[in-house]
Each structure stands twice: as C-alpha cells, then as structure tokens.
Amino acid sequence: MREFRAVHQFNVFSANTPIQYALTEYLGTEKNYTGIENFYAEKRDYFLDLLATSRFQALPCNGSYFQLLSYHNITDEHDKDFAIRLTKDYGVASIPVSSFYANGNDYKILRFCFAKDNHVLEQAAERLCKI
C-alpha cells in the first residue's frame, strides 16, 4: 500500500501531457483566469490568519495554493513522520517537502493546501492550533 500511496500522491499533484495542452488552450482566453491570483491570495491570508496563534511558522508563499509551514519549534520528528502523525492524530493532511528533494533533505517544513472551503480551513486551523 505504501507504493500505491506514493504513486497516488504524485498522480494527484502533477499534470499529464494532454491536460497540459488543454490547460494551454484554456489559458488562451483571459477571462478564464483573470482574478484568480486575488482569490488564492485571500484564501492564503484567511488560512494564515486562522493559524496566527499556532506554533507553526509560515514561510512566504505566492502564486500557489499551498502554504509552507515550518514546525521546527514543535518537534524534531522527520517531516514524513510528523505528516503521518498529523493525519492520524489530528485529521489534517499535509505533504512533507522532503519528498520533493532528490536527497530527501528534511528542513522541518510541511506543505498544506488552502484551496479548500472556508469551513475546512477553519477545522484544520483549529486542530493545528492545538498542537
């Protein structure tokens, strides 16, 4: 199952060639994407405001719907282990950034998706603030 989960993770967070061509065509019409940067900036800022009392440290993230959070003040756990614990114990999923490094460097940083409904962000932030 570990291998299936790894494949699933990379399939979900990457785009195949036909989708990339379709996206290129979609982006050819300006009205399809105008204003999206403000939409995601507001989502990011809302999520960060909810996390203001947490022990996580937000890293600057722009042009994305992922927020990087450092947890170096919380635990010395490897990012993969901490991500698993957050999912199991708190019901909040994250992506350990070491999985993106060829050498597996662990900088005590997790990636959280804020492209969610506000009530989901509120629940996640409430749980993360309890850590």
Protein backbone atom coordinates (compact mmCIF):
# COMPACT_ATOMS: atom_id res chain seq x y z
CA MET A 1 0.00 0.00 0.00
CA ARG A 2 2.90 2.36 0.65
CA GLU A 3 3.86 2.25 -3.04
CA PHE A 4 0.26 2.78 -4.15
CA ARG A 5 0.03 5.83 -1.87
CA ALA A 6 3.26 7.23 -3.32
CA VAL A 7 2.02 6.81 -6.88
CA HIS A 8 -1.35 8.30 -5.95
CA GLN A 9 0.30 11.34 -4.37
CA PHE A 10 2.33 12.13 -7.48
CA ASN A 11 -0.64 11.49 -9.81
CA VAL A 12 -2.86 13.84 -7.83
CA PHE A 13 -0.33 16.67 -7.65
CA SER A 14 1.00 16.62 -11.19
CA ALA A 15 -0.49 17.00 -14.66
CA ASN A 16 -0.13 14.66 -17.63
CA THR A 17 0.65 15.91 -21.15
CA PRO A 18 -2.95 16.00 -22.53
CA ILE A 19 -4.06 18.03 -19.51
CA GLN A 20 -1.16 20.42 -20.02
CA TYR A 21 -2.27 21.02 -23.65
CA ALA A 22 -5.87 21.53 -22.55
CA LEU A 23 -4.74 24.00 -19.91
CA THR A 24 -2.70 25.90 -22.51
CA GLU A 25 -5.84 26.29 -24.62
CA TYR A 26 -7.92 27.30 -21.60
CA LEU A 27 -5.41 29.96 -20.64
CA GLY A 28 -5.63 31.42 -24.14
CA THR A 29 -8.83 33.17 -23.02
CA GLU A 30 -8.04 35.85 -20.45
CA LYS A 31 -11.43 35.82 -18.73
CA ASN A 32 -10.78 32.20 -17.68
CA TYR A 33 -8.05 33.20 -15.26
CA THR A 34 -8.32 36.93 -14.55
CA GLY A 35 -8.67 37.49 -10.83
CA ILE A 36 -7.60 34.04 -9.71
CA GLU A 37 -4.50 35.46 -8.02
CA ASN A 38 -6.68 37.56 -5.73
CA PHE A 39 -8.92 34.60 -4.97
CA TYR A 40 -6.00 32.45 -3.83
CA ALA A 41 -4.24 35.31 -2.02
CA GLU A 42 -7.42 35.82 0.02
CA LYS A 43 -7.65 32.08 0.77
CA ARG A 44 -3.98 32.02 1.83
CA ASP A 45 -4.34 35.07 4.03
CA TYR A 46 -7.50 33.67 5.61
CA PHE A 47 -5.73 30.39 6.40
CA LEU A 48 -2.72 32.24 7.84
CA ASP A 49 -4.96 34.44 10.00
CA LEU A 50 -6.57 31.30 11.40
CA LEU A 51 -3.10 29.92 12.22
CA ALA A 52 -1.87 33.10 13.91
CA THR A 53 -1.98 31.54 17.38
CA SER A 54 -0.37 28.26 16.31
CA ARG A 55 3.23 27.26 16.91
CA PHE A 56 3.80 26.83 13.17
CA GLN A 57 5.86 29.40 11.32
CA ALA A 58 4.53 30.40 7.90
CA LEU A 59 7.01 30.77 5.07
CA PRO A 60 6.39 33.28 2.25
CA CYS A 61 4.33 31.60 -0.47
CA ASN A 62 2.99 33.39 -3.53
CA GLY A 63 1.46 32.18 -6.77
CA SER A 64 0.38 28.89 -5.25
CA TYR A 65 -2.46 27.26 -3.39
CA PHE A 66 -0.03 25.62 -0.98
CA GLN A 67 1.28 27.17 2.19
CA LEU A 68 4.58 26.02 3.63
CA LEU A 69 4.69 25.82 7.42
CA SER A 70 7.81 25.23 9.46
CA TYR A 71 7.33 23.13 12.56
CA HIS A 72 10.90 23.37 13.88
CA ASN A 73 9.58 24.87 17.17
CA ILE A 74 7.21 21.96 17.71
CA THR A 75 9.10 18.69 17.25
CA ASP A 76 12.30 17.17 15.90
CA GLU A 77 10.37 14.46 14.04
CA HIS A 78 11.23 13.83 10.41
CA ASP A 79 8.75 15.65 8.18
CA LYS A 80 7.32 12.40 6.80
CA ASP A 81 6.74 11.05 10.32
CA PHE A 82 5.20 14.30 11.52
CA ALA A 83 2.93 14.48 8.47
CA ILE A 84 1.69 10.96 9.16
CA ARG A 85 1.10 11.83 12.82
CA LEU A 86 -0.84 14.97 11.88
CA THR A 87 -3.07 12.89 9.64
CA LYS A 88 -3.62 10.09 12.15
CA ASP A 89 -3.85 12.09 15.37
CA TYR A 90 -5.35 15.39 14.18
CA GLY A 91 -7.08 14.55 10.89
CA VAL A 92 -5.09 17.16 8.96
CA ALA A 93 -3.25 16.11 5.82
CA SER A 94 -0.02 17.72 4.66
CA ILE A 95 2.82 16.94 2.30
CA PRO A 96 6.38 16.62 3.62
CA VAL A 97 8.61 18.73 1.41
CA SER A 98 11.49 16.27 1.72
CA SER A 99 9.60 14.13 -0.81
CA PHE A 100 10.42 16.79 -3.43
CA TYR A 101 14.17 16.67 -2.82
CA ALA A 102 16.32 14.05 -4.56
CA ASN A 103 18.45 13.73 -1.43
CA GLY A 104 15.45 13.72 0.93
CA ASN A 105 16.62 16.73 2.95
CA ASP A 106 14.34 17.41 5.89
CA TYR A 107 14.01 21.10 6.76
CA LYS A 108 11.08 20.57 9.17
CA ILE A 109 8.61 22.02 6.66
CA LEU A 110 5.21 20.73 5.59
CA ARG A 111 3.06 21.85 2.67
CA PHE A 112 -0.65 22.49 3.27
CA CYS A 113 -3.26 23.08 0.56
CA PHE A 114 -5.51 26.06 1.26
CA ALA A 115 -7.67 25.62 -1.88
CA LYS A 116 -10.49 24.39 0.33
CA ASP A 117 -13.86 25.61 1.52
CA ASN A 118 -13.51 28.01 4.43
CA HIS A 119 -15.12 25.62 6.89
CA VAL A 120 -12.45 23.01 6.05
CA LEU A 121 -9.69 25.58 6.59
CA GLU A 122 -11.27 26.55 9.90
CA GLN A 123 -11.39 22.95 11.10
CA ALA A 124 -7.80 22.32 10.03
CA ALA A 125 -6.52 25.51 11.66
CA GLU A 126 -8.40 24.76 14.88
CA ARG A 127 -6.73 21.34 15.05
CA LEU A 128 -3.28 22.69 14.15
CA CYS A 129 -3.53 25.41 16.79
CA LYS A 130 -3.97 22.70 19.45
CA ILE A 131 -0.52 21.30 18.73
